[in-house]
Amino acid sequence: MTASMENPHAGQGSVLLDIGGDVGALVVTMPAELEGIEVEIRPHGHGTTAHRSAPDDVHRHHPHVAVVNRPVVGGSSPSLVFPELVEGHYELCAVGTDDVVLTVEIHGAEVTTATWPE
């Protein structure tokens, strides 16, 4: 059996956003040099071991997506998209770190946009 990419077509088209009620989405514009890294999102306050409220939080899986150069009107833009998030406050960091780089507030039935700091 040969190794293959998890999804070789990821980022090559539109992203379906599943929003409504208390569910929103997040689109983050990223610096071009970060294309390909993976970014994790988690509820605010779950970033480091000191903030975890229960032993099970240490092993909790948090959603993560890759920074992809996506087609936009007039060209392309490196970005990441979390298409379905329950409203609340979230923190984002590169996968494998506890260094929170960005915090956002998600509102139901809305698309929140943010820009990753340079």
PDB file of N, CA and C in Angstrom:
ATOM      1  N   MET A   1       0.843  -1.185   0.000  1.00  0.00           N
ATOM      2  CA  MET A   1       0.000   0.000   0.000  1.00  0.00           C
ATOM      3  C   MET A   1       0.882   1.240   0.000  1.00  0.00           C
ATOM      4  N   THR A   2       0.580   2.198  -0.832  1.00  0.00           N
ATOM      5  CA  THR A   2       1.376   3.411  -0.915  1.00  0.00           C
ATOM      6  C   THR A   2       0.755   4.500  -0.059  1.00  0.00           C
ATOM      7  N   ALA A   3       1.619   5.377   0.434  1.00  0.00           N
ATOM      8  CA  ALA A   3       1.139   6.496   1.239  1.00  0.00           C
ATOM      9  C   ALA A   3       0.483   7.524   0.329  1.00  0.00           C
ATOM     10  N   SER A   4      -0.547   8.185   0.825  1.00  0.00           N
ATOM     11  CA  SER A   4      -1.199   9.241   0.055  1.00  0.00           C
ATOM     12  C   SER A   4      -1.574  10.380   0.980  1.00  0.00           C
ATOM     13  N   MET A   5      -1.790  11.549   0.382  1.00  0.00           N
ATOM     14  CA  MET A   5      -2.222  12.696   1.160  1.00  0.00           C
ATOM     15  C   MET A   5      -3.619  12.428   1.704  1.00  0.00           C
ATOM     16  N   GLU A   6      -3.908  13.013   2.877  1.00  0.00           N
ATOM     17  CA  GLU A   6      -5.231  12.837   3.474  1.00  0.00           C
ATOM     18  C   GLU A   6      -6.327  13.298   2.530  1.00  0.00           C
ATOM     19  N   ASN A   7      -6.158  14.458   1.925  1.00  0.00           N
ATOM     20  CA  ASN A   7      -7.122  14.978   0.959  1.00  0.00           C
ATOM     21  C   ASN A   7      -6.354  15.815  -0.060  1.00  0.00           C
ATOM     22  N   PRO A   8      -5.934  15.205  -1.175  1.00  0.00           N
ATOM     23  CA  PRO A   8      -5.098  15.931  -2.131  1.00  0.00           C
ATOM     24  C   PRO A   8      -5.807  17.098  -2.811  1.00  0.00           C
ATOM     25  N   HIS A   9      -7.128  17.194  -2.701  1.00  0.00           N
ATOM     26  CA  HIS A   9      -7.878  18.281  -3.328  1.00  0.00           C
ATOM     27  C   HIS A   9      -8.266  19.390  -2.353  1.00  0.00           C
ATOM     28  N   ALA A  10      -7.825  19.298  -1.108  1.00  0.00           N
ATOM     29  CA  ALA A  10      -8.168  20.315  -0.108  1.00  0.00           C
ATOM     30  C   ALA A  10      -7.671  21.680  -0.560  1.00  0.00           C
ATOM     31  N   GLY A  11      -8.514  22.685  -0.402  1.00  0.00           N
ATOM     32  CA  GLY A  11      -8.135  24.052  -0.718  1.00  0.00           C
ATOM     33  C   GLY A  11      -8.201  24.410  -2.185  1.00  0.00           C
ATOM     34  N   GLN A  12      -8.660  23.516  -3.023  1.00  0.00           N
ATOM     35  CA  GLN A  12      -8.668  23.779  -4.458  1.00  0.00           C
ATOM     36  C   GLN A  12     -10.022  24.261  -4.957  1.00  0.00           C
ATOM     37  N   GLY A  13     -10.898  24.611  -4.080  1.00  0.00           N
ATOM     38  CA  GLY A  13     -12.212  25.080  -4.507  1.00  0.00           C
ATOM     39  C   GLY A  13     -12.906  25.817  -3.391  1.00  0.00           C
ATOM     40  N   SER A  14     -14.190  25.950  -3.536  1.00  0.00           N
ATOM     41  CA  SER A  14     -14.997  26.643  -2.541  1.00  0.00           C
ATOM     42  C   SER A  14     -15.093  25.832  -1.255  1.00  0.00           C
ATOM     43  N   VAL A  15     -15.365  26.537  -0.164  1.00  0.00           N
ATOM     44  CA  VAL A  15     -15.562  25.894   1.134  1.00  0.00           C
ATOM     45  C   VAL A  15     -17.030  26.059   1.507  1.00  0.00           C
ATOM     46  N   LEU A  16     -17.682  24.959   1.842  1.00  0.00           N
ATOM     47  CA  LEU A  16     -19.075  24.995   2.264  1.00  0.00           C
ATOM     48  C   LEU A  16     -19.134  25.378   3.736  1.00  0.00           C
ATOM     49  N   LEU A  17     -19.853  26.454   4.052  1.00  0.00           N
ATOM     50  CA  LEU A  17     -20.010  26.897   5.427  1.00  0.00           C
ATOM     51  C   LEU A  17     -21.362  26.421   5.928  1.00  0.00           C
ATOM     52  N   ASP A  18     -21.368  25.756   7.070  1.00  0.00           N
ATOM     53  CA  ASP A  18     -22.598  25.220   7.644  1.00  0.00           C
ATOM     54  C   ASP A  18     -22.966  26.071   8.851  1.00  0.00           C
ATOM     55  N   ILE A  19     -23.592  27.246   8.594  1.00  0.00           N
ATOM     56  CA  ILE A  19     -23.897  28.180   9.671  1.00  0.00           C
ATOM     57  C   ILE A  19     -25.395  28.383   9.811  1.00  0.00           C
ATOM     58  N   GLY A  20     -25.794  28.822  10.998  1.00  0.00           N
ATOM     59  CA  GLY A  20     -27.185  29.088  11.311  1.00  0.00           C
ATOM     60  C   GLY A  20     -27.423  28.824  12.773  1.00  0.00           C
ATOM     61  N   GLY A  21     -28.432  29.422  13.348  1.00  0.00           N
ATOM     62  CA  GLY A  21     -28.691  29.247  14.775  1.00  0.00           C
ATOM     63  C   GLY A  21     -27.498  29.728  15.580  1.00  0.00           C
ATOM     64  N   ASP A  22     -26.931  28.856  16.418  1.00  0.00           N
ATOM     65  CA  ASP A  22     -25.779  29.237  17.239  1.00  0.00           C
ATOM     66  C   ASP A  22     -24.453  28.827  16.607  1.00  0.00           C
ATOM     67  N   VAL A  23     -24.464  28.481  15.318  1.00  0.00           N
ATOM     68  CA  VAL A  23     -23.252  28.038  14.631  1.00  0.00           C
ATOM     69  C   VAL A  23     -22.810  29.096  13.626  1.00  0.00           C
ATOM     70  N   GLY A  24     -21.539  29.493  13.718  1.00  0.00           N
ATOM     71  CA  GLY A  24     -20.944  30.446  12.790  1.00  0.00           C
ATOM     72  C   GLY A  24     -19.717  29.838  12.143  1.00  0.00           C
ATOM     73  N   ALA A  25     -18.974  30.650  11.414  1.00  0.00           N
ATOM     74  CA  ALA A  25     -17.762  30.210  10.740  1.00  0.00           C
ATOM     75  C   ALA A  25     -16.682  31.267  10.918  1.00  0.00           C
ATOM     76  N   LEU A  26     -15.438  30.871  10.633  1.00  0.00           N
ATOM     77  CA  LEU A  26     -14.302  31.776  10.763  1.00  0.00           C
ATOM     78  C   LEU A  26     -13.421  31.661   9.527  1.00  0.00           C
ATOM     79  N   VAL A  27     -13.066  32.826   8.959  1.00  0.00           N
ATOM     80  CA  VAL A  27     -12.108  32.906   7.863  1.00  0.00           C
ATOM     81  C   VAL A  27     -10.982  33.821   8.333  1.00  0.00           C
ATOM     82  N   VAL A  28      -9.739  33.324   8.270  1.00  0.00           N
ATOM     83  CA  VAL A  28      -8.581  34.096   8.715  1.00  0.00           C
ATOM     84  C   VAL A  28      -7.636  34.297   7.536  1.00  0.00           C
ATOM     85  N   THR A  29      -7.338  35.556   7.222  1.00  0.00           N
ATOM     86  CA  THR A  29      -6.336  35.883   6.212  1.00  0.00           C
ATOM     87  C   THR A  29      -4.962  35.682   6.849  1.00  0.00           C
ATOM     88  N   MET A  30      -4.085  34.979   6.115  1.00  0.00           N
ATOM     89  CA  MET A  30      -2.794  34.571   6.665  1.00  0.00           C
ATOM     90  C   MET A  30      -1.639  35.174   5.871  1.00  0.00           C
ATOM     91  N   PRO A  31      -0.470  35.358   6.509  1.00  0.00           N
ATOM     92  CA  PRO A  31       0.720  35.771   5.753  1.00  0.00           C
ATOM     93  C   PRO A  31       1.128  34.651   4.780  1.00  0.00           C
ATOM     94  N   ALA A  32       1.576  35.024   3.601  1.00  0.00           N
ATOM     95  CA  ALA A  32       1.926  34.049   2.568  1.00  0.00           C
ATOM     96  C   ALA A  32       2.976  33.051   3.043  1.00  0.00           C
ATOM     97  N   GLU A  33       3.905  33.486   3.874  1.00  0.00           N
ATOM     98  CA  GLU A  33       4.980  32.589   4.317  1.00  0.00           C
ATOM     99  C   GLU A  33       4.483  31.470   5.235  1.00  0.00           C
ATOM    100  N   LEU A  34       3.247  31.548   5.690  1.00  0.00           N
ATOM    101  CA  LEU A  34       2.696  30.494   6.556  1.00  0.00           C
ATOM    102  C   LEU A  34       1.875  29.466   5.783  1.00  0.00           C
ATOM    103  N   GLU A  35       1.822  29.586   4.464  1.00  0.00           N
ATOM    104  CA  GLU A  35       1.076  28.611   3.667  1.00  0.00           C
ATOM    105  C   GLU A  35       1.591  27.202   3.979  1.00  0.00           C
ATOM    106  N   GLY A  36       0.652  26.300   4.247  1.00  0.00           N
ATOM    107  CA  GLY A  36       0.988  24.905   4.535  1.00  0.00           C
ATOM    108  C   GLY A  36       1.020  24.557   6.014  1.00  0.00           C
ATOM    109  N   ILE A  37       1.173  25.545   6.919  1.00  0.00           N
ATOM    110  CA  ILE A  37       1.159  25.188   8.342  1.00  0.00           C
ATOM    111  C   ILE A  37      -0.266  24.852   8.764  1.00  0.00           C
ATOM    112  N   GLU A  38      -0.396  24.142   9.863  1.00  0.00           N
ATOM    113  CA  GLU A  38      -1.717  23.816  10.385  1.00  0.00           C
ATOM    114  C   GLU A  38      -1.971  24.648  11.631  1.00  0.00           C
ATOM    115  N   VAL A  39      -3.202  25.139  11.734  1.00  0.00           N
ATOM    116  CA  VAL A  39      -3.606  25.992  12.849  1.00  0.00           C
ATOM    117  C   VAL A  39      -4.762  25.312  13.572  1.00  0.00           C
ATOM    118  N   GLU A  40      -4.664  25.302  14.896  1.00  0.00           N
ATOM    119  CA  GLU A  40      -5.678  24.685  15.748  1.00  0.00           C
ATOM    120  C   GLU A  40      -6.555  25.772  16.360  1.00  0.00           C
ATOM    121  N   ILE A  41      -7.837  25.454  16.544  1.00  0.00           N
ATOM    122  CA  ILE A  41      -8.761  26.357  17.233  1.00  0.00           C
ATOM    123  C   ILE A  41      -9.337  25.621  18.431  1.00  0.00           C
ATOM    124  N   ARG A  42      -9.461  26.336  19.539  1.00  0.00           N
ATOM    125  CA  ARG A  42     -10.008  25.709  20.751  1.00  0.00           C
ATOM    126  C   ARG A  42     -10.725  26.770  21.573  1.00  0.00           C
ATOM    127  N   PRO A  43     -11.662  26.315  22.395  1.00  0.00           N
ATOM    128  CA  PRO A  43     -12.362  27.281  23.251  1.00  0.00           C
ATOM    129  C   PRO A  43     -11.371  28.072  24.090  1.00  0.00           C
ATOM    130  N   HIS A  44     -11.642  29.355  24.268  1.00  0.00           N
ATOM    131  CA  HIS A  44     -10.763  30.222  25.052  1.00  0.00           C
ATOM    132  C   HIS A  44     -10.537  29.621  26.440  1.00  0.00           C
ATOM    133  N   GLY A  45      -9.270  29.611  26.866  1.00  0.00           N
ATOM    134  CA  GLY A  45      -8.926  29.097  28.182  1.00  0.00           C
ATOM    135  C   GLY A  45      -8.497  27.649  28.200  1.00  0.00           C
ATOM    136  N   HIS A  46      -8.469  26.982  27.046  1.00  0.00           N
ATOM    137  CA  HIS A  46      -8.041  25.583  26.989  1.00  0.00           C
ATOM    138  C   HIS A  46      -6.653  25.449  26.387  1.00  0.00           C
ATOM    139  N   GLY A  47      -5.893  26.556  26.359  1.00  0.00           N
ATOM    140  CA  GLY A  47      -4.625  26.558  25.644  1.00  0.00           C
ATOM    141  C   GLY A  47      -3.489  25.820  26.303  1.00  0.00           C
ATOM    142  N   THR A  48      -3.262  26.023  27.581  1.00  0.00           N
ATOM    143  CA  THR A  48      -2.113  25.411  28.220  1.00  0.00           C
ATOM    144  C   THR A  48      -2.589  24.488  29.327  1.00  0.00           C
ATOM    145  N   THR A  49      -1.691  23.653  29.764  1.00  0.00           N
ATOM    146  CA  THR A  49      -2.022  22.705  30.831  1.00  0.00           C
ATOM    147  C   THR A  49      -2.568  23.428  32.059  1.00  0.00           C
ATOM    148  N   ALA A  50      -2.044  24.617  32.344  1.00  0.00           N
ATOM    149  CA  ALA A  50      -2.504  25.368  33.512  1.00  0.00           C
ATOM    150  C   ALA A  50      -3.963  25.780  33.398  1.00  0.00           C
ATOM    151  N   HIS A  51      -4.464  25.951  32.166  1.00  0.00           N
ATOM    152  CA  HIS A  51      -5.842  26.377  31.966  1.00  0.00           C
ATOM    153  C   HIS A  51      -6.819  25.224  31.783  1.00  0.00           C
ATOM    154  N   ARG A  52      -6.327  24.020  31.616  1.00  0.00           N
ATOM    155  CA  ARG A  52      -7.230  22.900  31.375  1.00  0.00           C
ATOM    156  C   ARG A  52      -8.004  22.602  32.649  1.00  0.00           C
ATOM    157  N   SER A  53      -9.304  22.423  32.482  1.00  0.00           N
ATOM    158  CA  SER A  53     -10.171  22.293  33.644  1.00  0.00           C
ATOM    159  C   SER A  53     -10.294  20.868  34.158  1.00  0.00           C
ATOM    160  N   ALA A  54      -9.920  19.888  33.366  1.00  0.00           N
ATOM    161  CA  ALA A  54     -10.052  18.497  33.784  1.00  0.00           C
ATOM    162  C   ALA A  54      -8.949  17.680  33.128  1.00  0.00           C
ATOM    163  N   PRO A  55      -8.560  16.552  33.756  1.00  0.00           N
ATOM    164  CA  PRO A  55      -7.513  15.715  33.169  1.00  0.00           C
ATOM    165  C   PRO A  55      -7.820  15.286  31.737  1.00  0.00           C
ATOM    166  N   ASP A  56      -9.085  15.095  31.400  1.00  0.00           N
ATOM    167  CA  ASP A  56      -9.447  14.682  30.043  1.00  0.00           C
ATOM    168  C   ASP A  56      -9.115  15.744  29.003  1.00  0.00           C
ATOM    169  N   ASP A  57      -9.030  17.032  29.427  1.00  0.00           N
ATOM    170  CA  ASP A  57      -8.730  18.097  28.477  1.00  0.00           C
ATOM    171  C   ASP A  57      -7.349  17.939  27.855  1.00  0.00           C
ATOM    172  N   VAL A  58      -6.428  17.256  28.539  1.00  0.00           N
ATOM    173  CA  VAL A  58      -5.076  17.068  28.027  1.00  0.00           C
ATOM    174  C   VAL A  58      -5.119  16.313  26.700  1.00  0.00           C
ATOM    175  N   HIS A  59      -6.059  15.381  26.546  1.00  0.00           N
ATOM    176  CA  HIS A  59      -6.126  14.552  25.363  1.00  0.00           C
ATOM    177  C   HIS A  59      -7.254  14.943  24.411  1.00  0.00           C
ATOM    178  N   ARG A  60      -7.929  16.036  24.674  1.00  0.00           N
ATOM    179  CA  ARG A  60      -9.046  16.465  23.835  1.00  0.00           C
ATOM    180  C   ARG A  60      -8.520  16.880  22.461  1.00  0.00           C
ATOM    181  N   HIS A  61      -9.215  16.450  21.433  1.00  0.00           N
ATOM    182  CA  HIS A  61      -8.867  16.826  20.066  1.00  0.00           C
ATOM    183  C   HIS A  61      -9.541  18.151  19.732  1.00  0.00           C
ATOM    184  N   HIS A  62      -8.764  19.069  19.227  1.00  0.00           N
ATOM    185  CA  HIS A  62      -9.311  20.350  18.783  1.00  0.00           C
ATOM    186  C   HIS A  62      -9.185  20.413  17.268  1.00  0.00           C
ATOM    187  N   PRO A  63     -10.174  20.984  16.594  1.00  0.00           N
ATOM    188  CA  PRO A  63     -10.122  21.062  15.135  1.00  0.00           C
ATOM    189  C   PRO A  63      -8.889  21.835  14.664  1.00  0.00           C
ATOM    190  N   HIS A  64      -8.335  21.412  13.540  1.00  0.00           N
ATOM    191  CA  HIS A  64      -7.223  22.135  12.932  1.00  0.00           C
ATOM    192  C   HIS A  64      -7.360  22.075  11.415  1.00  0.00           C
ATOM    193  N   VAL A  65      -6.879  23.121  10.771  1.00  0.00           N
ATOM    194  CA  VAL A  65      -6.924  23.226   9.315  1.00  0.00           C
ATOM    195  C   VAL A  65      -5.591  23.779   8.831  1.00  0.00           C
ATOM    196  N   ALA A  66      -5.303  23.537   7.557  1.00  0.00           N
ATOM    197  CA  ALA A  66      -4.071  24.048   6.949  1.00  0.00           C
ATOM    198  C   ALA A  66      -4.307  25.418   6.330  1.00  0.00           C
ATOM    199  N   VAL A  67      -3.245  26.203   6.298  1.00  0.00           N
ATOM    200  CA  VAL A  67      -3.262  27.467   5.571  1.00  0.00           C
ATOM    201  C   VAL A  67      -3.109  27.123   4.091  1.00  0.00           C
ATOM    202  N   VAL A  68      -4.079  27.567   3.290  1.00  0.00           N
ATOM    203  CA  VAL A  68      -4.131  27.229   1.874  1.00  0.00           C
ATOM    204  C   VAL A  68      -4.253  28.522   1.071  1.00  0.00           C
ATOM    205  N   ASN A  69      -3.566  28.571  -0.058  1.00  0.00           N
ATOM    206  CA  ASN A  69      -3.686  29.713  -0.955  1.00  0.00           C
ATOM    207  C   ASN A  69      -4.968  29.532  -1.760  1.00  0.00           C
ATOM    208  N   ARG A  70      -6.012  30.239  -1.401  1.00  0.00           N
ATOM    209  CA  ARG A  70      -7.339  30.049  -1.980  1.00  0.00           C
ATOM    210  C   ARG A  70      -7.619  31.066  -3.090  1.00  0.00           C
ATOM    211  N   PRO A  71      -8.360  30.634  -4.109  1.00  0.00           N
ATOM    212  CA  PRO A  71      -8.731  31.577  -5.171  1.00  0.00           C
ATOM    213  C   PRO A  71      -9.734  32.609  -4.660  1.00  0.00           C
ATOM    214  N   VAL A  72      -9.481  33.861  -5.004  1.00  0.00           N
ATOM    215  CA  VAL A  72     -10.399  34.962  -4.698  1.00  0.00           C
ATOM    216  C   VAL A  72     -10.499  35.825  -5.955  1.00  0.00           C
ATOM    217  N   VAL A  73     -11.454  36.722  -5.984  1.00  0.00           N
ATOM    218  CA  VAL A  73     -11.606  37.613  -7.130  1.00  0.00           C
ATOM    219  C   VAL A  73     -10.294  38.376  -7.337  1.00  0.00           C
ATOM    220  N   GLY A  74      -9.750  38.288  -8.515  1.00  0.00           N
ATOM    221  CA  GLY A  74      -8.538  39.013  -8.836  1.00  0.00           C
ATOM    222  C   GLY A  74      -7.243  38.330  -8.452  1.00  0.00           C
ATOM    223  N   GLY A  75      -7.293  37.077  -7.992  1.00  0.00           N
ATOM    224  CA  GLY A  75      -6.040  36.399  -7.646  1.00  0.00           C
ATOM    225  C   GLY A  75      -6.232  35.292  -6.635  1.00  0.00           C
ATOM    226  N   SER A  76      -5.373  35.313  -5.617  1.00  0.00           N
ATOM    227  CA  SER A  76      -5.461  34.301  -4.571  1.00  0.00           C
ATOM    228  C   SER A  76      -5.044  34.914  -3.239  1.00  0.00           C
ATOM    229  N   SER A  77      -5.410  34.231  -2.166  1.00  0.00           N
ATOM    230  CA  SER A  77      -5.131  34.738  -0.827  1.00  0.00           C
ATOM    231  C   SER A  77      -4.902  33.569   0.125  1.00  0.00           C
ATOM    232  N   PRO A  78      -3.755  33.546   0.828  1.00  0.00           N
ATOM    233  CA  PRO A  78      -3.560  32.496   1.824  1.00  0.00           C
ATOM    234  C   PRO A  78      -4.532  32.704   2.987  1.00  0.00           C
ATOM    235  N   SER A  79      -5.224  31.646   3.336  1.00  0.00           N
ATOM    236  CA  SER A  79      -6.221  31.771   4.404  1.00  0.00           C
ATOM    237  C   SER A  79      -6.482  30.419   5.030  1.00  0.00           C
ATOM    238  N   LEU A  80      -7.217  30.458   6.108  1.00  0.00           N
ATOM    239  CA  LEU A  80      -7.726  29.232   6.707  1.00  0.00           C
ATOM    240  C   LEU A  80      -9.200  29.439   7.008  1.00  0.00           C
ATOM    241  N   VAL A  81      -9.948  28.342   6.972  1.00  0.00           N
ATOM    242  CA  VAL A  81     -11.398  28.416   7.154  1.00  0.00           C
ATOM    243  C   VAL A  81     -11.830  27.344   8.146  1.00  0.00           C
ATOM    244  N   PHE A  82     -12.525  27.769   9.181  1.00  0.00           N
ATOM    245  CA  PHE A  82     -13.211  26.849  10.086  1.00  0.00           C
ATOM    246  C   PHE A  82     -14.694  27.012   9.763  1.00  0.00           C
ATOM    247  N   PRO A  83     -15.293  26.037   9.052  1.00  0.00           N
ATOM    248  CA  PRO A  83     -16.631  26.234   8.485  1.00  0.00           C
ATOM    249  C   PRO A  83     -17.803  26.055   9.436  1.00  0.00           C
ATOM    250  N   GLU A  84     -17.558  25.572  10.661  1.00  0.00           N
ATOM    251  CA  GLU A  84     -18.678  25.269  11.558  1.00  0.00           C
ATOM    252  C   GLU A  84     -18.200  25.339  13.006  1.00  0.00           C
ATOM    253  N   LEU A  85     -18.494  26.470  13.677  1.00  0.00           N
ATOM    254  CA  LEU A  85     -18.081  26.671  15.068  1.00  0.00           C
ATOM    255  C   LEU A  85     -19.274  27.162  15.890  1.00  0.00           C
ATOM    256  N   VAL A  86     -19.472  26.564  17.045  1.00  0.00           N
ATOM    257  CA  VAL A  86     -20.514  27.031  17.959  1.00  0.00           C
ATOM    258  C   VAL A  86     -20.079  28.389  18.504  1.00  0.00           C
ATOM    259  N   GLU A  87     -21.033  29.314  18.595  1.00  0.00           N
ATOM    260  CA  GLU A  87     -20.680  30.668  19.028  1.00  0.00           C
ATOM    261  C   GLU A  87     -19.954  30.634  20.361  1.00  0.00           C
ATOM    262  N   GLY A  88     -19.009  31.550  20.501  1.00  0.00           N
ATOM    263  CA  GLY A  88     -18.204  31.651  21.710  1.00  0.00           C
ATOM    264  C   GLY A  88     -16.860  32.275  21.414  1.00  0.00           C
ATOM    265  N   HIS A  89     -15.994  32.305  22.420  1.00  0.00           N
ATOM    266  CA  HIS A  89     -14.646  32.862  22.293  1.00  0.00           C
ATOM    267  C   HIS A  89     -13.664  31.715  22.051  1.00  0.00           C
ATOM    268  N   TYR A  90     -12.769  31.921  21.089  1.00  0.00           N
ATOM    269  CA  TYR A  90     -11.807  30.894  20.703  1.00  0.00           C
ATOM    270  C   TYR A  90     -10.408  31.487  20.624  1.00  0.00           C
ATOM    271  N   GLU A  91      -9.419  30.591  20.744  1.00  0.00           N
ATOM    272  CA  GLU A  91      -8.034  30.978  20.562  1.00  0.00           C
ATOM    273  C   GLU A  91      -7.418  30.085  19.491  1.00  0.00           C
ATOM    274  N   LEU A  92      -6.494  30.647  18.721  1.00  0.00           N
ATOM    275  CA  LEU A  92      -5.854  29.936  17.628  1.00  0.00           C
ATOM    276  C   LEU A  92      -4.350  29.901  17.849  1.00  0.00           C
ATOM    277  N   CYS A  93      -3.745  28.762  17.507  1.00  0.00           N
ATOM    278  CA  CYS A  93      -2.301  28.619  17.590  1.00  0.00           C
ATOM    279  C   CYS A  93      -1.851  27.590  16.561  1.00  0.00           C
ATOM    280  N   ALA A  94      -0.570  27.628  16.225  1.00  0.00           N
ATOM    281  CA  ALA A  94      -0.023  26.610  15.337  1.00  0.00           C
ATOM    282  C   ALA A  94      -0.134  25.255  16.031  1.00  0.00           C
ATOM    283  N   VAL A  95      -0.473  24.219  15.265  1.00  0.00           N
ATOM    284  CA  VAL A  95      -0.592  22.875  15.836  1.00  0.00           C
ATOM    285  C   VAL A  95       0.731  22.496  16.501  1.00  0.00           C
ATOM    286  N   GLY A  96       0.641  21.922  17.682  1.00  0.00           N
ATOM    287  CA  GLY A  96       1.823  21.473  18.412  1.00  0.00           C
ATOM    288  C   GLY A  96       2.392  22.498  19.365  1.00  0.00           C
ATOM    289  N   THR A  97       1.761  23.673  19.440  1.00  0.00           N
ATOM    290  CA  THR A  97       2.222  24.689  20.382  1.00  0.00           C
ATOM    291  C   THR A  97       1.063  25.121  21.270  1.00  0.00           C
ATOM    292  N   ASP A  98       1.399  25.773  22.347  1.00  0.00           N
ATOM    293  CA  ASP A  98       0.386  26.387  23.207  1.00  0.00           C
ATOM    294  C   ASP A  98       0.439  27.911  23.091  1.00  0.00           C
ATOM    295  N   ASP A  99       1.160  28.414  22.085  1.00  0.00           N
ATOM    296  CA  ASP A  99       1.324  29.854  21.903  1.00  0.00           C
ATOM    297  C   ASP A  99       0.116  30.429  21.170  1.00  0.00           C
ATOM    298  N   VAL A 100      -0.786  31.046  21.924  1.00  0.00           N
ATOM    299  CA  VAL A 100      -1.985  31.642  21.330  1.00  0.00           C
ATOM    300  C   VAL A 100      -1.561  32.877  20.540  1.00  0.00           C
ATOM    301  N   VAL A 101      -1.908  32.884  19.247  1.00  0.00           N
ATOM    302  CA  VAL A 101      -1.526  33.978  18.358  1.00  0.00           C
ATOM    303  C   VAL A 101      -2.706  34.902  18.086  1.00  0.00           C
ATOM    304  N   LEU A 102      -3.918  34.350  18.133  1.00  0.00           N
ATOM    305  CA  LEU A 102      -5.094  35.126  17.772  1.00  0.00           C
ATOM    306  C   LEU A 102      -6.274  34.654  18.603  1.00  0.00           C
ATOM    307  N   THR A 103      -7.099  35.583  19.059  1.00  0.00           N
ATOM    308  CA  THR A 103      -8.354  35.227  19.715  1.00  0.00           C
ATOM    309  C   THR A 103      -9.492  35.848  18.916  1.00  0.00           C
ATOM    310  N   VAL A 104     -10.609  35.127  18.863  1.00  0.00           N
ATOM    311  CA  VAL A 104     -11.763  35.589  18.088  1.00  0.00           C
ATOM    312  C   VAL A 104     -13.041  35.295  18.857  1.00  0.00           C
ATOM    313  N   GLU A 105     -14.079  36.024  18.502  1.00  0.00           N
ATOM    314  CA  GLU A 105     -15.413  35.757  19.034  1.00  0.00           C
ATOM    315  C   GLU A 105     -16.300  35.364  17.862  1.00  0.00           C
ATOM    316  N   ILE A 106     -16.896  34.189  17.950  1.00  0.00           N
ATOM    317  CA  ILE A 106     -17.771  33.670  16.908  1.00  0.00           C
ATOM    318  C   ILE A 106     -19.214  33.928  17.316  1.00  0.00           C
ATOM    319  N   HIS A 107     -20.010  34.424  16.361  1.00  0.00           N
ATOM    320  CA  HIS A 107     -21.441  34.641  16.565  1.00  0.00           C
ATOM    321  C   HIS A 107     -22.203  33.679  15.670  1.00  0.00           C
ATOM    322  N   GLY A 108     -23.298  33.141  16.182  1.00  0.00           N
ATOM    323  CA  GLY A 108     -24.112  32.231  15.400  1.00  0.00           C
ATOM    324  C   GLY A 108     -24.650  32.889  14.146  1.00  0.00           C
ATOM    325  N   ALA A 109     -24.754  32.094  13.082  1.00  0.00           N
ATOM    326  CA  ALA A 109     -25.307  32.522  11.789  1.00  0.00           C
ATOM    327  C   ALA A 109     -24.509  33.628  11.121  1.00  0.00           C
ATOM    328  N   GLU A 110     -23.236  33.791  11.503  1.00  0.00           N
ATOM    329  CA  GLU A 110     -22.378  34.823  10.910  1.00  0.00           C
ATOM    330  C   GLU A 110     -21.027  34.234  10.541  1.00  0.00           C
ATOM    331  N   VAL A 111     -20.372  34.871   9.559  1.00  0.00           N
ATOM    332  CA  VAL A 111     -18.989  34.537   9.228  1.00  0.00           C
ATOM    333  C   VAL A 111     -18.103  35.614   9.843  1.00  0.00           C
ATOM    334  N   THR A 112     -17.241  35.199  10.741  1.00  0.00           N
ATOM    335  CA  THR A 112     -16.287  36.105  11.375  1.00  0.00           C
ATOM    336  C   THR A 112     -15.014  36.107  10.534  1.00  0.00           C
ATOM    337  N   THR A 113     -14.453  37.288  10.296  1.00  0.00           N
ATOM    338  CA  THR A 113     -13.185  37.378   9.576  1.00  0.00           C
ATOM    339  C   THR A 113     -12.142  37.964  10.513  1.00  0.00           C
ATOM    340  N   ALA A 114     -10.902  37.533  10.319  1.00  0.00           N
ATOM    341  CA  ALA A 114      -9.794  38.013  11.130  1.00  0.00           C
ATOM    342  C   ALA A 114      -8.528  37.967  10.285  1.00  0.00           C
ATOM    343  N   THR A 115      -7.486  38.646  10.753  1.00  0.00           N
ATOM    344  CA  THR A 115      -6.195  38.633  10.091  1.00  0.00           C
ATOM    345  C   THR A 115      -5.146  38.164  11.086  1.00  0.00           C
ATOM    346  N   TRP A 116      -4.380  37.159  10.693  1.00  0.00           N
ATOM    347  CA  TRP A 116      -3.287  36.623  11.521  1.00  0.00           C
ATOM    348  C   TRP A 116      -2.213  37.699  11.622  1.00  0.00           C
ATOM    349  N   PRO A 117      -1.709  37.970  12.826  1.00  0.00           N
ATOM    350  CA  PRO A 117      -0.684  39.005  12.964  1.00  0.00           C
ATOM    351  C   PRO A 117       0.605  38.609  12.247  1.00  0.00           C
ATOM    352  N   GLU A 118       1.268  39.605  11.674  1.00  0.00           N
ATOM    353  CA  GLU A 118       2.552  39.371  10.962  1.00  0.00           C
ATOM    354  C   GLU A 118       3.641  39.054  11.953  1.00  0.00           C
TER     355      GLU A 118
END
